[in-house]
N, C-alpha and C. Protein backbone atom coordinates (compact mmCIF):
# COMPACT_ATOMS: atom_id res chain seq x y z
N MET A 1 -81.76 -87.31 73.73
CA MET A 1 -80.54 -86.82 73.05
C MET A 1 -79.51 -87.45 73.59
N GLU A 2 -78.48 -87.74 72.56
CA GLU A 2 -77.20 -88.12 73.14
C GLU A 2 -76.36 -87.39 73.40
N SER A 3 -75.73 -87.21 74.73
CA SER A 3 -74.80 -86.43 75.17
C SER A 3 -73.30 -86.28 74.80
N ARG A 4 -72.97 -85.38 74.19
CA ARG A 4 -71.25 -85.55 73.99
C ARG A 4 -70.34 -85.52 74.66
N ASP A 5 -69.49 -86.33 75.08
CA ASP A 5 -68.52 -86.27 75.72
C ASP A 5 -67.48 -84.74 75.68
N PRO A 6 -67.63 -84.37 76.42
CA PRO A 6 -66.77 -83.14 76.35
C PRO A 6 -65.00 -83.22 76.13
N LYS A 7 -64.63 -84.60 76.61
CA LYS A 7 -63.24 -84.91 76.39
C LYS A 7 -63.34 -85.28 75.17
N GLN A 8 -63.88 -85.74 74.26
CA GLN A 8 -63.91 -86.55 72.97
C GLN A 8 -64.08 -85.13 71.84
N GLY A 9 -64.81 -83.98 72.45
CA GLY A 9 -64.83 -82.81 71.62
C GLY A 9 -63.77 -81.98 71.87
N SER A 10 -63.16 -82.07 73.26
CA SER A 10 -61.71 -81.25 73.58
C SER A 10 -60.35 -81.88 72.28
N GLN A 11 -60.63 -83.49 72.22
CA GLN A 11 -59.71 -84.33 71.28
C GLN A 11 -59.83 -83.83 70.14
N GLU A 12 -61.03 -83.81 69.71
CA GLU A 12 -61.26 -83.41 68.27
C GLU A 12 -60.65 -82.00 67.85
N SER A 13 -61.09 -81.03 68.60
CA SER A 13 -60.41 -79.80 68.34
C SER A 13 -59.03 -79.78 68.37
N LEU A 14 -58.55 -80.36 69.54
CA LEU A 14 -57.34 -80.70 69.27
C LEU A 14 -56.59 -81.02 67.97
N ASN A 15 -57.10 -82.22 67.71
CA ASN A 15 -56.32 -82.47 66.28
C ASN A 15 -56.85 -81.99 64.95
N ASP A 16 -58.02 -80.92 64.94
CA ASP A 16 -58.35 -79.96 64.23
C ASP A 16 -57.36 -78.86 64.02
N GLN A 17 -56.61 -78.52 65.12
CA GLN A 17 -55.97 -77.58 65.22
C GLN A 17 -54.58 -78.16 64.73
N ASP A 18 -54.14 -79.56 65.59
CA ASP A 18 -52.74 -79.84 64.74
C ASP A 18 -52.70 -80.23 63.39
N ASN A 19 -53.92 -80.49 62.57
CA ASN A 19 -53.66 -80.73 61.71
C ASN A 19 -53.63 -79.17 60.65
N LEU A 20 -54.68 -78.27 61.04
CA LEU A 20 -54.15 -77.07 60.66
C LEU A 20 -52.52 -76.23 60.49
N GLY A 21 -52.59 -76.79 61.77
CA GLY A 21 -51.06 -76.36 62.10
C GLY A 21 -49.93 -77.09 61.11
N LYS A 22 -50.14 -78.53 60.99
CA LYS A 22 -49.48 -79.06 59.79
C LYS A 22 -49.31 -78.78 58.25
N LYS A 23 -50.69 -78.28 58.18
CA LYS A 23 -51.10 -77.53 56.78
C LYS A 23 -50.04 -76.24 56.71
N ALA A 24 -50.33 -75.69 57.59
CA ALA A 24 -49.46 -74.41 57.58
C ALA A 24 -48.18 -74.28 57.56
N ASN A 25 -47.48 -75.35 58.05
CA ASN A 25 -45.98 -75.73 57.99
C ASN A 25 -45.45 -75.95 57.07
N ARG A 26 -46.61 -76.84 56.58
CA ARG A 26 -46.45 -77.18 54.78
C ARG A 26 -46.10 -76.26 54.20
N LYS A 27 -47.31 -75.28 53.89
CA LYS A 27 -47.32 -74.17 53.23
C LYS A 27 -46.15 -73.31 53.04
N LEU A 28 -45.57 -73.01 54.44
CA LEU A 28 -44.51 -72.02 54.96
C LEU A 28 -43.16 -73.14 54.33
N THR A 29 -42.98 -74.30 54.58
CA THR A 29 -41.52 -74.83 54.09
C THR A 29 -41.58 -75.14 52.32
N LEU A 30 -42.87 -75.43 52.00
CA LEU A 30 -42.89 -74.78 50.04
C LEU A 30 -42.33 -73.77 49.92
N LYS A 31 -42.70 -72.28 50.61
CA LYS A 31 -42.58 -71.31 50.36
C LYS A 31 -41.16 -70.81 50.86
N LEU A 32 -40.85 -71.07 51.69
CA LEU A 32 -39.21 -71.04 52.12
C LEU A 32 -38.19 -71.74 50.98
N VAL A 33 -38.75 -72.74 50.29
CA VAL A 33 -38.08 -73.62 49.57
C VAL A 33 -38.10 -72.81 48.09
N ALA A 34 -39.13 -72.30 48.08
CA ALA A 34 -39.49 -71.92 46.42
C ALA A 34 -38.59 -70.61 46.61
N ALA A 35 -38.83 -70.15 47.70
CA ALA A 35 -37.95 -68.49 47.82
C ALA A 35 -36.66 -68.81 47.91
N THR A 36 -35.94 -70.03 48.29
CA THR A 36 -34.60 -70.29 48.05
C THR A 36 -34.19 -70.78 46.62
N ILE A 37 -34.92 -71.22 46.20
CA ILE A 37 -34.53 -71.60 44.67
C ILE A 37 -34.57 -70.28 43.66
N ALA A 38 -35.62 -69.50 44.14
CA ALA A 38 -35.75 -67.84 43.35
C ALA A 38 -34.40 -67.18 43.59
N MET A 39 -33.75 -67.34 44.78
CA MET A 39 -32.77 -66.40 45.36
C MET A 39 -31.65 -67.10 44.54
N PHE A 40 -31.44 -68.45 44.58
CA PHE A 40 -29.89 -69.35 43.98
C PHE A 40 -30.27 -68.62 42.43
N GLY A 41 -31.40 -68.77 41.76
CA GLY A 41 -31.16 -68.35 40.38
C GLY A 41 -31.13 -67.08 40.13
N PHE A 42 -31.50 -66.37 41.29
CA PHE A 42 -31.14 -64.92 40.97
C PHE A 42 -29.86 -64.18 41.16
N GLY A 43 -29.29 -65.32 42.16
CA GLY A 43 -27.81 -65.05 42.21
C GLY A 43 -27.18 -65.57 41.18
N PHE A 44 -27.28 -66.95 40.29
CA PHE A 44 -26.54 -67.03 39.07
C PHE A 44 -26.95 -65.78 37.95
N ALA A 45 -28.09 -65.02 38.02
CA ALA A 45 -28.32 -64.11 36.81
C ALA A 45 -28.08 -63.10 37.31
N LEU A 46 -27.41 -62.69 38.78
CA LEU A 46 -26.63 -61.48 38.54
C LEU A 46 -25.49 -61.35 38.19
N VAL A 47 -24.75 -62.63 37.73
CA VAL A 47 -23.02 -62.51 37.19
C VAL A 47 -23.28 -62.15 35.85
N PRO A 48 -24.13 -62.92 35.09
CA PRO A 48 -24.07 -61.94 33.69
C PRO A 48 -24.42 -60.71 33.72
N ILE A 49 -25.31 -60.34 34.34
CA ILE A 49 -25.90 -58.71 34.33
C ILE A 49 -25.15 -57.88 34.74
N TYR A 50 -24.09 -58.36 35.82
CA TYR A 50 -23.16 -57.60 36.56
C TYR A 50 -22.22 -57.47 35.46
N ASP A 51 -21.47 -58.47 34.74
CA ASP A 51 -20.57 -58.66 33.75
C ASP A 51 -20.95 -57.34 32.32
N ILE A 52 -22.30 -57.62 32.30
CA ILE A 52 -22.83 -56.79 31.19
C ILE A 52 -22.62 -55.19 31.77
N MET A 53 -23.04 -54.85 32.98
CA MET A 53 -22.94 -53.60 33.17
C MET A 53 -21.54 -53.14 33.32
N CYS A 54 -20.84 -53.97 34.07
CA CYS A 54 -19.49 -53.56 34.11
C CYS A 54 -18.63 -53.10 32.67
N ASP A 55 -19.04 -54.61 31.96
CA ASP A 55 -18.40 -53.83 30.67
C ASP A 55 -18.81 -52.69 29.71
N ALA A 56 -20.17 -52.16 30.10
CA ALA A 56 -20.85 -51.09 29.34
C ALA A 56 -20.16 -49.82 30.37
N LEU A 57 -19.90 -49.54 31.34
CA LEU A 57 -19.52 -48.69 32.21
C LEU A 57 -17.76 -48.41 31.98
N GLY A 58 -17.18 -50.03 31.56
CA GLY A 58 -15.74 -49.73 31.75
C GLY A 58 -15.07 -50.44 33.16
N ILE A 59 -15.94 -50.54 34.14
CA ILE A 59 -15.22 -50.57 35.62
C ILE A 59 -15.12 -52.17 35.96
N ASN A 60 -14.99 -53.01 35.27
CA ASN A 60 -14.64 -54.38 35.81
C ASN A 60 -13.49 -55.00 35.87
N GLY A 61 -12.16 -53.88 35.18
CA GLY A 61 -10.78 -54.38 35.38
C GLY A 61 -10.70 -55.37 34.45
N LYS A 62 -11.43 -55.89 33.25
CA LYS A 62 -11.13 -57.15 32.06
C LYS A 62 -10.56 -56.41 31.20
N THR A 63 -9.65 -56.60 30.86
CA THR A 63 -8.47 -56.28 29.40
C THR A 63 -9.09 -57.16 28.52
N SER A 64 -8.60 -56.51 27.35
CA SER A 64 -9.60 -57.15 26.00
C SER A 64 -8.50 -58.65 25.88
N SER A 65 -8.80 -59.54 25.16
CA SER A 65 -8.26 -60.97 25.31
C SER A 65 -7.38 -60.96 23.40
N VAL A 66 -7.63 -60.06 22.75
CA VAL A 66 -7.07 -60.06 21.40
C VAL A 66 -6.20 -58.88 21.23
N ALA A 67 -5.32 -58.97 20.66
CA ALA A 67 -4.37 -58.19 20.34
C ALA A 67 -4.62 -57.31 19.64
N VAL A 68 -4.10 -55.80 20.00
CA VAL A 68 -4.30 -54.76 19.14
C VAL A 68 -2.82 -54.26 18.42
N GLU A 69 -3.55 -53.60 17.02
CA GLU A 69 -2.17 -53.28 16.48
C GLU A 69 -1.38 -52.38 16.86
N GLN A 70 0.04 -52.42 16.88
CA GLN A 70 1.04 -51.56 17.53
C GLN A 70 0.90 -50.26 16.61
N PRO A 71 0.73 -49.06 17.10
CA PRO A 71 0.53 -47.93 16.31
C PRO A 71 1.38 -47.58 15.93
N ILE A 72 1.28 -46.99 14.36
CA ILE A 72 2.62 -46.51 13.71
C ILE A 72 2.73 -44.94 14.38
N ALA A 73 2.28 -44.40 14.26
CA ALA A 73 2.18 -42.67 14.39
C ALA A 73 1.73 -41.89 15.41
N LEU A 74 1.89 -43.28 16.47
CA LEU A 74 1.35 -42.97 17.87
C LEU A 74 2.54 -41.95 18.74
N GLU A 75 2.70 -40.74 19.01
CA GLU A 75 3.46 -39.90 19.64
C GLU A 75 3.17 -39.90 21.26
N PRO A 76 4.22 -40.28 22.10
CA PRO A 76 3.76 -40.31 23.43
C PRO A 76 3.75 -38.82 24.01
N ASP A 77 2.84 -39.16 24.86
CA ASP A 77 2.86 -37.69 25.93
C ASP A 77 3.75 -37.52 26.98
N THR A 78 4.62 -36.91 26.57
CA THR A 78 5.95 -37.04 27.69
C THR A 78 5.44 -35.77 28.74
N SER A 79 4.56 -34.83 28.59
CA SER A 79 4.06 -34.30 29.37
C SER A 79 3.64 -34.66 30.90
N ARG A 80 3.19 -36.08 30.88
CA ARG A 80 2.75 -36.56 31.94
C ARG A 80 3.34 -38.59 31.96
N SER A 81 3.12 -39.21 33.30
CA SER A 81 3.59 -40.42 32.98
C SER A 81 2.73 -41.10 34.05
N ILE A 82 2.35 -42.72 33.88
CA ILE A 82 1.62 -43.04 34.34
C ILE A 82 2.35 -44.24 34.91
N ARG A 83 2.44 -44.54 36.45
CA ARG A 83 2.86 -46.02 37.21
C ARG A 83 2.35 -46.95 36.76
N VAL A 84 3.12 -47.78 36.11
CA VAL A 84 2.21 -49.11 35.88
C VAL A 84 2.96 -50.08 37.04
N GLU A 85 2.28 -50.74 37.67
CA GLU A 85 2.77 -52.41 38.78
C GLU A 85 2.27 -53.42 37.87
N PHE A 86 3.18 -54.07 38.00
CA PHE A 86 2.73 -55.84 37.51
C PHE A 86 2.64 -56.38 39.00
N ILE A 87 1.80 -57.42 38.99
CA ILE A 87 1.54 -58.33 39.86
C ILE A 87 1.29 -59.56 39.19
N ALA A 88 2.17 -60.89 39.91
CA ALA A 88 1.22 -62.20 39.50
C ALA A 88 0.67 -63.13 40.54
N HIS A 89 -0.07 -63.73 40.45
CA HIS A 89 -1.23 -64.44 41.46
C HIS A 89 -0.24 -65.73 41.19
N PRO A 90 0.43 -66.43 41.77
CA PRO A 90 0.66 -67.82 41.87
C PRO A 90 -0.43 -68.75 41.97
N ASN A 91 -0.77 -70.04 41.44
CA ASN A 91 -1.65 -70.62 41.71
C ASN A 91 -0.89 -71.73 42.71
N PRO A 92 -1.42 -71.86 44.06
CA PRO A 92 -1.05 -72.56 44.83
C PRO A 92 -0.99 -74.32 44.31
N HIS A 93 -2.23 -74.76 43.50
CA HIS A 93 -2.50 -75.57 43.04
C HIS A 93 -1.40 -76.08 41.79
N MET A 94 -0.99 -75.27 41.64
CA MET A 94 0.07 -75.92 40.32
C MET A 94 1.67 -75.46 40.77
N SER A 95 2.21 -75.91 40.17
CA SER A 95 3.79 -76.25 40.62
C SER A 95 4.56 -75.45 39.92
N TRP A 96 4.02 -74.24 39.39
CA TRP A 96 4.82 -73.15 38.98
C TRP A 96 5.18 -72.19 39.59
N ASP A 97 6.74 -71.29 39.47
CA ASP A 97 7.05 -70.10 39.78
C ASP A 97 6.88 -69.36 38.47
N PHE A 98 5.95 -67.93 39.47
CA PHE A 98 5.55 -67.15 38.33
C PHE A 98 5.29 -65.69 39.01
N SER A 99 6.53 -64.76 38.12
CA SER A 99 6.72 -63.17 38.65
C SER A 99 6.61 -62.66 37.51
N PRO A 100 6.75 -61.18 37.69
CA PRO A 100 6.99 -60.09 36.89
C PRO A 100 8.72 -59.95 36.79
N LYS A 101 8.96 -59.71 35.62
CA LYS A 101 10.18 -59.14 35.38
C LYS A 101 10.73 -58.02 35.98
N VAL A 102 9.78 -56.93 36.04
CA VAL A 102 9.74 -55.72 37.06
C VAL A 102 8.80 -55.53 37.70
N ALA A 103 9.19 -54.79 38.90
CA ALA A 103 7.86 -54.47 40.02
C ALA A 103 7.16 -53.55 39.40
N SER A 104 7.43 -52.47 38.48
CA SER A 104 6.60 -51.60 38.28
C SER A 104 7.76 -50.56 37.37
N MET A 105 6.96 -49.61 36.20
CA MET A 105 7.61 -48.81 35.76
C MET A 105 6.68 -47.61 35.40
N ASP A 106 7.33 -46.42 34.87
CA ASP A 106 6.41 -45.07 34.68
C ASP A 106 6.57 -45.13 33.26
N VAL A 107 4.97 -44.46 32.91
CA VAL A 107 5.37 -45.21 31.69
C VAL A 107 4.32 -43.62 30.86
N HIS A 108 4.58 -43.33 29.78
CA HIS A 108 3.98 -42.11 29.31
C HIS A 108 3.02 -42.37 28.50
N PRO A 109 1.83 -41.80 28.26
CA PRO A 109 0.84 -42.61 27.58
C PRO A 109 1.33 -42.47 25.97
N GLY A 110 0.71 -43.71 25.31
CA GLY A 110 1.37 -43.40 23.80
C GLY A 110 2.52 -43.95 23.58
N GLU A 111 3.45 -44.35 24.72
CA GLU A 111 4.56 -45.02 24.34
C GLU A 111 4.44 -46.64 24.47
N VAL A 112 5.13 -47.52 23.44
CA VAL A 112 4.99 -48.64 23.47
C VAL A 112 5.92 -49.05 24.36
N ILE A 113 5.44 -50.02 25.26
CA ILE A 113 6.47 -50.86 26.36
C ILE A 113 6.91 -52.01 25.89
N GLN A 114 7.81 -52.71 26.07
CA GLN A 114 8.20 -54.07 25.81
C GLN A 114 8.69 -54.55 27.56
N THR A 115 8.24 -55.45 28.00
CA THR A 115 8.56 -55.98 29.50
C THR A 115 8.52 -57.63 29.46
N ALA A 116 8.42 -58.45 30.32
CA ALA A 116 7.81 -59.58 30.19
C ALA A 116 7.77 -60.36 31.61
N TYR A 117 7.21 -61.65 31.72
CA TYR A 117 6.92 -62.39 33.03
C TYR A 117 7.80 -63.41 32.85
N TRP A 118 8.16 -64.27 34.13
CA TRP A 118 9.20 -65.11 34.31
C TRP A 118 8.19 -66.26 34.63
N ALA A 119 8.25 -67.75 34.53
CA ALA A 119 8.06 -68.56 34.80
C ALA A 119 8.61 -69.89 35.38
N PHE A 120 8.70 -70.14 36.06
CA PHE A 120 9.38 -72.25 36.22
C PHE A 120 8.58 -73.20 36.68
N ASN A 121 9.03 -73.95 36.00
CA ASN A 121 7.93 -75.18 35.93
C ASN A 121 8.93 -76.07 37.04
N ARG A 122 8.04 -76.54 38.53
CA ARG A 122 8.99 -77.23 39.28
C ARG A 122 9.03 -78.76 39.01
N ALA A 123 7.65 -79.23 38.40
CA ALA A 123 7.42 -80.67 38.18
C ALA A 123 8.35 -80.75 37.53
N GLU A 124 8.34 -82.42 37.10
CA GLU A 124 8.77 -83.39 36.48
C GLU A 124 8.40 -83.35 35.25
N ARG A 125 6.74 -83.10 34.90
CA ARG A 125 6.42 -83.31 33.80
C ARG A 125 5.78 -81.72 33.15
N THR A 126 5.34 -82.04 31.85
CA THR A 126 4.71 -80.97 31.15
C THR A 126 3.66 -80.19 31.64
N ILE A 127 3.65 -79.02 32.09
CA ILE A 127 2.54 -78.59 32.50
C ILE A 127 1.76 -77.42 31.57
N ILE A 128 0.38 -77.10 31.52
CA ILE A 128 0.04 -76.20 30.65
C ILE A 128 -0.54 -75.29 31.41
N GLY A 129 -0.26 -73.82 31.21
CA GLY A 129 -0.51 -72.64 31.70
C GLY A 129 -1.32 -71.78 31.24
N GLN A 130 -2.19 -71.00 31.78
CA GLN A 130 -3.22 -70.01 31.11
C GLN A 130 -3.33 -68.66 32.14
N ALA A 131 -2.97 -67.69 31.69
CA ALA A 131 -2.68 -66.32 32.30
C ALA A 131 -3.82 -65.63 32.48
N VAL A 132 -4.50 -64.99 33.27
CA VAL A 132 -5.72 -64.22 33.18
C VAL A 132 -5.31 -62.74 33.50
N PRO A 133 -5.56 -62.15 32.62
CA PRO A 133 -5.14 -60.88 32.97
C PRO A 133 -6.26 -59.58 33.80
N SER A 134 -6.29 -59.18 34.66
CA SER A 134 -6.98 -57.57 35.09
C SER A 134 -6.09 -56.35 35.32
N VAL A 135 -6.78 -55.46 34.96
CA VAL A 135 -6.33 -53.82 35.41
C VAL A 135 -7.19 -53.45 36.18
N SER A 136 -6.46 -52.79 37.09
CA SER A 136 -7.05 -51.80 38.27
C SER A 136 -6.15 -50.37 38.25
N PRO A 137 -7.21 -49.29 38.59
CA PRO A 137 -8.61 -48.91 38.51
C PRO A 137 -9.33 -49.80 37.45
N GLY A 138 -10.56 -50.55 37.50
CA GLY A 138 -11.24 -51.07 36.38
C GLY A 138 -11.48 -49.96 35.44
N LEU A 139 -11.56 -48.87 35.48
CA LEU A 139 -11.85 -47.59 34.70
C LEU A 139 -11.00 -47.56 33.82
N GLY A 140 -9.34 -47.92 34.18
CA GLY A 140 -8.18 -47.76 33.34
C GLY A 140 -8.00 -48.89 32.25
N ALA A 141 -8.66 -50.20 32.80
CA ALA A 141 -8.68 -51.13 31.55
C ALA A 141 -8.68 -50.78 30.37
N SER A 142 -10.19 -50.12 29.97
CA SER A 142 -10.17 -49.98 28.37
C SER A 142 -9.14 -48.87 27.71
N TYR A 143 -8.04 -48.36 28.72
CA TYR A 143 -6.98 -47.69 28.08
C TYR A 143 -5.71 -48.48 28.05
N PHE A 144 -5.59 -49.71 28.33
CA PHE A 144 -4.50 -50.49 28.50
C PHE A 144 -4.74 -51.21 27.53
N ASN A 145 -3.73 -51.15 26.33
CA ASN A 145 -3.47 -52.33 24.89
C ASN A 145 -2.63 -52.77 25.09
N LYS A 146 -2.82 -54.32 24.73
CA LYS A 146 -2.00 -54.99 24.82
C LYS A 146 -1.60 -55.56 23.38
N VAL A 147 -0.27 -55.30 22.61
CA VAL A 147 -0.10 -55.79 21.77
C VAL A 147 0.41 -56.99 21.55
N GLU A 148 0.93 -57.46 22.50
CA GLU A 148 1.42 -59.25 22.63
C GLU A 148 1.52 -59.10 23.85
N CYS A 149 0.83 -60.29 23.95
CA CYS A 149 0.93 -60.96 25.47
C CYS A 149 0.95 -62.52 25.59
N PHE A 150 1.36 -63.01 26.56
CA PHE A 150 1.79 -64.40 26.99
C PHE A 150 0.15 -64.72 27.12
N CYS A 151 -0.35 -63.91 27.96
CA CYS A 151 -1.89 -64.59 28.26
C CYS A 151 -2.84 -64.69 26.98
N PHE A 152 -2.56 -64.33 25.53
CA PHE A 152 -3.45 -64.36 24.82
C PHE A 152 -3.45 -66.27 24.25
N ASN A 153 -2.54 -66.79 24.57
CA ASN A 153 -2.33 -68.32 24.21
C ASN A 153 -2.07 -69.37 25.28
N LYS A 154 -1.85 -70.40 25.08
CA LYS A 154 -1.78 -71.45 26.25
C LYS A 154 -0.17 -71.44 26.56
N GLN A 155 0.33 -71.66 27.83
CA GLN A 155 1.71 -71.53 28.03
C GLN A 155 2.28 -72.92 28.31
N PRO A 156 2.72 -73.99 27.50
CA PRO A 156 2.98 -75.20 27.90
C PRO A 156 4.61 -75.45 28.23
N LEU A 157 4.80 -75.60 29.39
CA LEU A 157 6.05 -75.54 29.94
C LEU A 157 6.83 -77.12 30.42
N GLU A 158 7.58 -77.37 29.61
CA GLU A 158 8.27 -78.67 30.20
C GLU A 158 8.70 -78.77 31.82
N GLY A 159 8.73 -80.04 32.37
CA GLY A 159 9.19 -80.25 33.53
C GLY A 159 10.57 -79.68 33.66
N GLN A 160 10.82 -78.96 35.10
CA GLN A 160 12.29 -78.68 34.91
C GLN A 160 12.47 -77.42 34.36
N SER A 161 11.78 -76.83 33.70
CA SER A 161 12.24 -75.74 32.53
C SER A 161 11.50 -74.29 33.28
N HIS A 162 12.26 -72.88 32.38
CA HIS A 162 11.57 -71.97 32.44
C HIS A 162 11.41 -71.00 31.42
N ALA A 163 10.97 -70.33 31.40
CA ALA A 163 10.21 -69.33 29.97
C ALA A 163 10.34 -67.67 30.61
N GLU A 164 10.49 -67.20 29.62
CA GLU A 164 10.34 -65.77 29.43
C GLU A 164 8.98 -65.36 28.80
N MET A 165 8.28 -65.03 29.36
CA MET A 165 6.92 -64.66 28.58
C MET A 165 6.65 -63.11 28.37
N PRO A 166 6.82 -63.12 27.02
CA PRO A 166 6.85 -61.29 26.56
C PRO A 166 5.40 -60.48 26.76
N LEU A 167 5.55 -59.42 27.13
CA LEU A 167 4.27 -58.31 27.15
C LEU A 167 4.66 -56.97 26.42
N ILE A 168 3.90 -56.59 25.21
CA ILE A 168 4.31 -55.37 24.73
C ILE A 168 2.72 -54.47 24.72
N PHE A 169 2.99 -53.53 25.34
CA PHE A 169 1.55 -52.82 25.69
C PHE A 169 1.96 -51.00 25.91
N TYR A 170 0.81 -50.70 25.25
CA TYR A 170 0.80 -48.98 25.57
C TYR A 170 -0.47 -48.64 26.18
N ILE A 171 -0.54 -47.55 26.67
CA ILE A 171 -1.25 -46.89 27.28
C ILE A 171 -2.19 -45.49 26.63
N GLU A 172 -2.99 -45.55 26.32
CA GLU A 172 -4.01 -44.60 25.31
C GLU A 172 -3.61 -43.15 25.99
N ARG A 173 -3.38 -42.33 24.94
CA ARG A 173 -3.43 -41.01 25.25
C ARG A 173 -4.39 -40.27 26.23
N ASP A 174 -6.15 -40.54 25.98
CA ASP A 174 -6.83 -39.80 26.08
C ASP A 174 -7.21 -40.66 27.72
N ILE A 175 -5.98 -41.16 28.28
CA ILE A 175 -6.59 -41.76 29.60
C ILE A 175 -6.96 -40.72 30.67
N PRO A 176 -8.05 -40.49 31.30
CA PRO A 176 -8.31 -39.66 32.52
C PRO A 176 -7.14 -38.97 33.27
N GLU A 177 -6.75 -37.85 33.28
CA GLU A 177 -5.76 -37.47 33.95
C GLU A 177 -5.89 -37.91 35.62
N SER A 178 -7.38 -37.96 35.86
CA SER A 178 -7.39 -38.59 37.41
C SER A 178 -6.47 -40.23 37.74
N ILE A 179 -6.27 -40.54 36.65
CA ILE A 179 -5.32 -41.99 36.87
C ILE A 179 -4.34 -41.75 36.88
N HIS A 180 -3.39 -42.13 37.84
CA HIS A 180 -1.74 -41.66 37.96
C HIS A 180 -1.14 -43.37 37.98
N THR A 181 -1.87 -44.13 38.59
CA THR A 181 -1.36 -45.65 38.55
C THR A 181 -2.53 -46.77 38.29
N LEU A 182 -1.91 -47.93 37.34
CA LEU A 182 -2.36 -48.77 36.66
C LEU A 182 -1.53 -49.84 37.68
N THR A 183 -2.37 -50.77 37.93
CA THR A 183 -2.29 -52.33 38.26
C THR A 183 -2.32 -53.58 37.40
N LEU A 184 -1.32 -54.13 36.75
CA LEU A 184 -1.55 -55.18 35.93
C LEU A 184 -1.74 -56.21 36.65
N SER A 185 -2.35 -57.07 36.98
CA SER A 185 -2.08 -58.27 37.38
C SER A 185 -2.45 -59.91 36.48
N TYR A 186 -1.68 -60.68 36.80
CA TYR A 186 -2.37 -62.09 36.24
C TYR A 186 -2.41 -63.19 37.19
N THR A 187 -3.79 -63.92 37.28
CA THR A 187 -3.71 -64.98 37.78
C THR A 187 -3.71 -66.04 37.04
N LEU A 188 -2.84 -67.53 37.37
CA LEU A 188 -2.57 -68.50 36.48
C LEU A 188 -3.10 -69.62 36.92
N TYR A 189 -3.67 -70.18 35.72
CA TYR A 189 -4.56 -71.72 36.12
C TYR A 189 -3.59 -72.56 35.55
N ASP A 190 -4.07 -74.03 35.65
CA ASP A 190 -3.69 -75.01 35.06
C ASP A 190 -4.52 -75.57 34.32
N ILE A 191 -4.07 -75.83 33.10
CA ILE A 191 -5.18 -76.14 31.72
C ILE A 191 -4.86 -77.61 31.41
N THR A 192 -3.96 -78.03 32.08
CA THR A 192 -3.22 -79.47 31.30
C THR A 192 -3.88 -80.45 31.32
N ASP A 193 -5.10 -80.54 31.83
CA ASP A 193 -6.01 -81.49 31.84
C ASP A 193 -7.34 -81.35 31.23
N THR A 194 -7.17 -80.09 30.67
CA THR A 194 -8.59 -79.68 29.89
C THR A 194 -8.23 -79.22 28.55
N VAL A 195 -6.82 -79.26 28.15
CA VAL A 195 -6.67 -78.67 26.77
C VAL A 195 -7.59 -79.56 25.68
N ALA A 196 -7.74 -80.84 26.02
CA ALA A 196 -7.86 -81.94 24.79
C ALA A 196 -9.32 -82.08 25.15
N LYS A 197 -10.23 -81.16 26.39
CA LYS A 197 -11.61 -81.26 26.57
C LYS A 197 -12.24 -80.24 25.91
N PRO A 198 -13.77 -80.13 25.94
CA PRO A 198 -14.49 -78.88 25.19
C PRO A 198 -14.47 -77.69 26.31
N ASP A 199 -14.01 -76.47 25.68
CA ASP A 199 -13.88 -75.35 25.92
C ASP A 199 -14.78 -75.01 27.55
N ALA A 200 -16.01 -75.59 27.40
CA ALA A 200 -17.12 -75.81 28.49
C ALA A 200 -16.32 -76.13 29.87
N THR A 201 -15.59 -77.19 29.36
CA THR A 201 -15.05 -78.02 30.59
C THR A 201 -14.09 -77.17 31.35
N ALA A 202 -13.14 -76.92 30.31
CA ALA A 202 -11.84 -76.03 30.59
C ALA A 202 -12.47 -74.88 31.65
N GLN A 203 -13.73 -73.95 31.05
CA GLN A 203 -13.99 -72.90 31.96
C GLN A 203 -14.24 -73.09 33.63
N VAL A 204 -15.29 -74.45 33.68
CA VAL A 204 -15.49 -74.91 34.64
C VAL A 204 -14.09 -75.44 35.57
N GLN A 205 -13.35 -75.93 35.31
CA GLN A 205 -11.96 -76.12 35.81
C GLN A 205 -11.27 -74.63 36.51
N MET A 206 -11.41 -73.49 35.28
CA MET A 206 -10.88 -72.29 35.71
C MET A 206 -11.66 -71.68 36.56
N VAL A 207 -12.80 -72.06 36.83
CA VAL A 207 -13.62 -70.88 37.86
C VAL A 207 -13.56 -71.91 39.25
N THR A 208 -13.41 -73.31 38.99
CA THR A 208 -12.93 -73.90 40.52
C THR A 208 -11.90 -73.26 40.98
N GLN A 209 -10.89 -73.48 40.47
CA GLN A 209 -9.27 -73.02 41.01
C GLN A 209 -9.62 -71.89 41.06
N SER A 210 -10.26 -71.14 40.65
CA SER A 210 -10.48 -69.35 40.75
C SER A 210 -11.37 -69.50 42.34
N ASN A 211 -12.18 -70.33 42.16
CA ASN A 211 -12.72 -70.46 43.60
C ASN A 211 -12.00 -70.55 44.98
N GLN A 212 -10.70 -71.49 44.45
CA GLN A 212 -10.03 -72.17 45.52
C GLN A 212 -8.96 -71.04 45.98
N LEU A 213 -8.63 -70.30 45.10
CA LEU A 213 -7.66 -69.32 45.09
C LEU A 213 -8.16 -68.37 46.18
N GLN A 214 -9.68 -67.68 45.72
CA GLN A 214 -10.33 -67.02 46.81
C GLN A 214 -10.59 -67.33 48.11
N GLY A 215 -10.41 -68.83 48.17
CA GLY A 215 -11.12 -69.30 49.85
C GLY A 215 -9.46 -69.35 50.22
N ALA A 216 -8.59 -69.07 49.51
CA ALA A 216 -7.21 -69.62 50.29
C ALA A 216 -6.64 -68.38 50.82
N THR A 217 -6.97 -67.10 49.93
CA THR A 217 -6.84 -65.59 50.43
C THR A 217 -7.39 -65.53 52.14
N PRO A 218 -6.44 -64.98 52.72
CA PRO A 218 -6.75 -65.05 54.05
C PRO A 218 -7.67 -63.30 54.11
């Protein structure tokens, strides 16, 4: 009978273990890649799910992008007032100065208020801006109604010129008594290069600018 070389058997055993190890590593790598792709997709899915839930609960701070009719017979509730704060978020990638006409005011629920934001284009060319509003706390957003707002439309502004952009709003009388302050903020986006492109392209640019703004926030 032919004797088996112990060294050869040991080497084959090592090779088998090595092959098994490589197969296990490949399986683990594939599982990790699949898990990464799944988590990436789940992260994207969370965004619309989050928006739907927030819309249903009224906690996302988004206000309507459509004007409401000015109430005719709405009587202000003079027994209480709500402090409304106005904030502007200038875009560092956009050569506009952007600020509210007043920093804050006390408003009675049901009272129709007119104010404005101010913008100045420091560039030598026309720039088209789009303002996106939000209200905090988010619970109060559904009670904040805009009759007229510069955020409803694109705002072209010639180089080295300024504009006063009107805002007319009222707060519904049935706003919860636990809310004493509302903060209305506008973030400004440069959509000059996207006005002639499809809406999807414009949305992508606005999201990109939004990410850049968040990244620049300390």
